[in-house]
Amino acid sequence: MAAKFLMNELLNVYDEAFTARLGAGTMTASAANKYGNTEVGKPVKLVGESRYDLAVAGDQIEGFIVAVEPATSDDYNLGTVRPEGRKAVVFDGLQATPGTGTVAIGDYVVSGSITAQNTALGAGPKVCKATTQTGMYYAWRVISLGTVGTGAVGTVGVIDRINR
C-alpha cells in the first residue's frame, strides 16, 4: 500500500539557481547546439568556462535546467540551472544496466537514459541507482518512490540533493 503522505518536487523554489551558458558548443559552430524550452527539466553537468551541457547516462547530476532564455552570450544560449532542491524523476534501474532493476529509498542516483536534445522530457528525467553509493560530489538521493511505491523502471519518484 502506498503511503498517504508523499514528498514531492518543490516548485518555484530557486534560492540557489544561477545563470549559465548552455550547450556543447557555439551556435555558429552548429545549429544543433541551440537550446530551447524542450531542455527545461533535464540534468546538466559543467563542461566549460561558465557553461553547462546535458548530462549523459551515468553522469553525476550537477543540476537541472529550469529556464532557457532567447538571449545569448558569446554565441551560447543563456539559461538558469538549479543545483539543489527536490526533483520529480523517472526511475531507470541500475547504472550498470539501465532499464533493469529497482531503486530504494536512500539510494544515490546518477543520470539515466537520456532524452535527446530538442526533445521534450515527458514524465521527467530518468535516473539510475548509482553503482558507487559513497563519495559522490553531486549526491542526489531517492526520498520518495511515488504513488506506485516500488522504485521499478518507469515509475515516478522524487530525489533530493543532499550535500549542498
Protein backbone atom coordinates (compact mmCIF):
# COMPACT_ATOMS: atom_id res chain seq x y z
CA MET A 1 0.00 0.00 0.00
CA ALA A 2 1.38 3.39 -0.98
CA ALA A 3 1.85 5.99 1.74
CA LYS A 4 -0.85 8.64 2.11
CA PHE A 5 1.73 11.40 2.50
CA LEU A 6 4.41 11.62 -0.16
CA MET A 7 7.23 14.15 -0.52
CA ASN A 8 7.12 15.88 -3.86
CA GLU A 9 9.19 18.20 -6.01
CA LEU A 10 9.36 21.75 -4.69
CA LEU A 11 8.21 24.14 -7.38
CA ASN A 12 9.36 27.73 -7.82
CA VAL A 13 11.98 27.44 -5.07
CA TYR A 14 15.15 28.61 -6.75
CA ASP A 15 17.20 30.14 -3.94
CA GLU A 16 20.45 28.84 -5.38
CA ALA A 17 19.56 28.89 -9.09
CA PHE A 18 22.05 30.71 -11.30
CA THR A 19 22.51 31.88 -14.87
CA ALA A 20 24.94 29.97 -17.08
CA ARG A 21 25.84 29.49 -20.70
CA LEU A 22 24.31 26.29 -22.07
CA GLY A 23 25.37 23.84 -24.77
CA ALA A 24 28.05 21.60 -26.16
CA GLY A 25 29.41 24.37 -28.39
CA THR A 26 28.58 27.68 -30.01
CA MET A 27 25.51 28.08 -32.18
CA THR A 28 27.74 29.33 -35.02
CA ALA A 29 29.70 26.07 -34.92
CA SER A 30 26.48 24.05 -35.22
CA ALA A 31 22.79 24.93 -35.25
CA ALA A 32 22.29 21.72 -33.24
CA ASN A 33 23.91 23.48 -30.24
CA LYS A 34 20.90 25.81 -29.88
CA TYR A 35 18.87 25.13 -26.74
CA GLY A 36 15.12 25.66 -26.47
CA ASN A 37 12.38 25.15 -23.91
CA THR A 38 12.47 21.39 -24.51
CA GLU A 39 15.66 21.31 -22.40
CA VAL A 40 13.88 22.53 -19.25
CA GLY A 41 13.99 19.86 -16.54
CA LYS A 42 16.94 17.96 -17.98
CA PRO A 43 20.05 17.18 -15.89
CA VAL A 44 23.29 19.02 -16.62
CA LYS A 45 27.00 18.98 -15.83
CA LEU A 46 29.75 21.62 -16.00
CA VAL A 47 31.63 21.29 -19.32
CA GLY A 48 33.50 24.55 -19.80
CA GLU A 49 34.04 28.10 -18.63
CA SER A 50 30.72 29.24 -17.13
CA ARG A 51 28.97 26.60 -19.29
CA TYR A 52 26.78 23.58 -18.65
CA ASP A 53 25.65 20.88 -21.06
CA LEU A 54 23.22 17.98 -20.85
CA ALA A 55 24.40 15.11 -18.69
CA VAL A 56 24.75 11.70 -20.31
CA ALA A 57 23.86 8.30 -18.86
CA GLY A 58 25.95 7.58 -15.77
CA ASP A 59 26.97 11.19 -15.12
CA GLN A 60 26.60 12.71 -11.67
CA ILE A 61 23.86 15.33 -11.80
CA GLU A 62 25.18 18.82 -11.07
CA GLY A 63 21.79 20.48 -11.52
CA PHE A 64 18.69 20.78 -13.67
CA ILE A 65 17.79 23.38 -16.29
CA VAL A 66 14.85 25.47 -15.07
CA ALA A 67 14.77 28.08 -17.85
CA VAL A 68 16.26 28.74 -21.28
CA GLU A 69 16.48 32.34 -22.44
CA PRO A 70 16.38 33.62 -26.03
CA ALA A 71 19.36 35.81 -25.12
CA THR A 72 22.87 34.61 -25.89
CA SER A 73 26.35 35.25 -24.54
CA ASP A 74 29.46 34.51 -26.58
CA ASP A 75 27.20 32.67 -29.07
CA TYR A 76 25.84 30.28 -26.39
CA ASN A 77 22.28 30.17 -25.10
CA LEU A 78 21.78 31.51 -21.61
CA GLY A 79 19.70 29.63 -19.09
CA THR A 80 19.05 29.03 -15.42
CA VAL A 81 20.45 25.98 -13.63
CA ARG A 82 19.12 24.76 -10.28
CA PRO A 83 21.83 22.81 -8.43
CA GLU A 84 19.79 21.74 -5.42
CA GLY A 85 16.35 21.01 -4.04
CA ARG A 86 13.94 18.23 -4.95
CA LYS A 87 13.14 16.89 -8.39
CA ALA A 88 10.47 14.53 -9.70
CA VAL A 89 12.16 11.84 -11.81
CA VAL A 90 11.51 8.59 -13.65
CA PHE A 91 13.40 5.59 -12.29
CA ASP A 92 15.55 3.81 -14.90
CA GLY A 93 17.01 0.87 -12.96
CA LEU A 94 20.68 0.37 -12.21
CA GLN A 95 23.62 2.41 -13.55
CA ALA A 96 25.36 -0.71 -14.89
CA THR A 97 22.19 -1.95 -16.62
CA PRO A 98 19.74 0.91 -17.33
CA GLY A 99 16.23 -0.37 -17.88
CA THR A 100 16.56 -3.20 -15.33
CA GLY A 101 16.48 -3.29 -11.54
CA THR A 102 14.84 -1.14 -8.91
CA VAL A 103 15.79 1.77 -6.69
CA ALA A 104 15.00 2.12 -2.99
CA ILE A 105 14.58 4.95 -0.52
CA GLY A 106 18.02 6.35 0.32
CA ASP A 107 19.72 5.18 -2.90
CA TYR A 108 22.01 7.68 -4.60
CA VAL A 109 21.30 8.26 -8.28
CA VAL A 110 23.03 9.37 -11.48
CA SER A 111 21.67 10.33 -14.88
CA GLY A 112 19.78 7.50 -16.56
CA SER A 113 18.84 7.01 -20.20
CA ILE A 114 18.90 10.42 -21.83
CA THR A 115 16.13 12.25 -23.65
CA ALA A 116 17.77 13.69 -26.77
CA GLN A 117 18.39 17.40 -27.10
CA ASN A 118 15.42 19.30 -28.62
CA THR A 119 13.06 16.52 -27.46
CA ALA A 120 10.58 17.15 -24.64
CA LEU A 121 11.06 15.13 -21.45
CA GLY A 122 7.63 13.67 -20.93
CA ALA A 123 7.17 12.35 -17.36
CA GLY A 124 10.59 13.60 -16.20
CA PRO A 125 14.31 12.98 -16.45
CA LYS A 126 15.45 9.39 -15.94
CA VAL A 127 17.80 8.44 -13.12
CA CYS A 128 19.57 5.18 -12.24
CA LYS A 129 20.80 3.83 -8.92
CA ALA A 130 24.48 4.79 -8.79
CA THR A 131 26.97 1.93 -8.82
CA THR A 132 29.02 3.80 -6.20
CA GLN A 133 26.89 4.77 -3.21
CA THR A 134 29.65 6.72 -1.42
CA GLY A 135 31.93 9.62 -2.26
CA MET A 136 29.72 11.31 -4.82
CA TYR A 137 30.46 15.00 -5.31
CA TYR A 138 26.92 15.74 -6.52
CA ALA A 139 24.78 13.40 -4.43
CA TRP A 140 21.08 13.16 -5.23
CA ARG A 141 19.19 10.64 -3.10
CA VAL A 142 15.79 8.97 -3.53
CA ILE A 143 13.37 10.33 -0.90
CA SER A 144 10.06 9.09 -2.34
CA LEU A 145 9.08 6.14 -4.51
CA GLY A 146 5.93 7.97 -5.59
CA THR A 147 2.39 6.67 -5.73
CA VAL A 148 3.37 3.25 -7.09
CA GLY A 149 5.88 2.79 -4.28
CA THR A 150 8.10 0.16 -5.91
CA GLY A 151 11.08 2.00 -7.43
CA ALA A 152 10.59 -0.08 -10.57
CA VAL A 153 11.75 1.05 -14.01
CA GLY A 154 9.35 3.62 -15.47
CA THR A 155 7.79 4.67 -12.16
CA VAL A 156 7.97 8.26 -10.91
CA GLY A 157 9.54 9.32 -7.61
CA VAL A 158 11.39 12.23 -6.06
CA ILE A 159 15.11 12.83 -5.46
CA ASP A 160 16.76 15.43 -3.22
CA ARG A 161 20.25 16.98 -3.38
CA ILE A 162 21.84 16.19 -0.04
CA ASN A 163 25.40 17.59 0.07
CA ARG A 164 24.77 21.24 -0.61
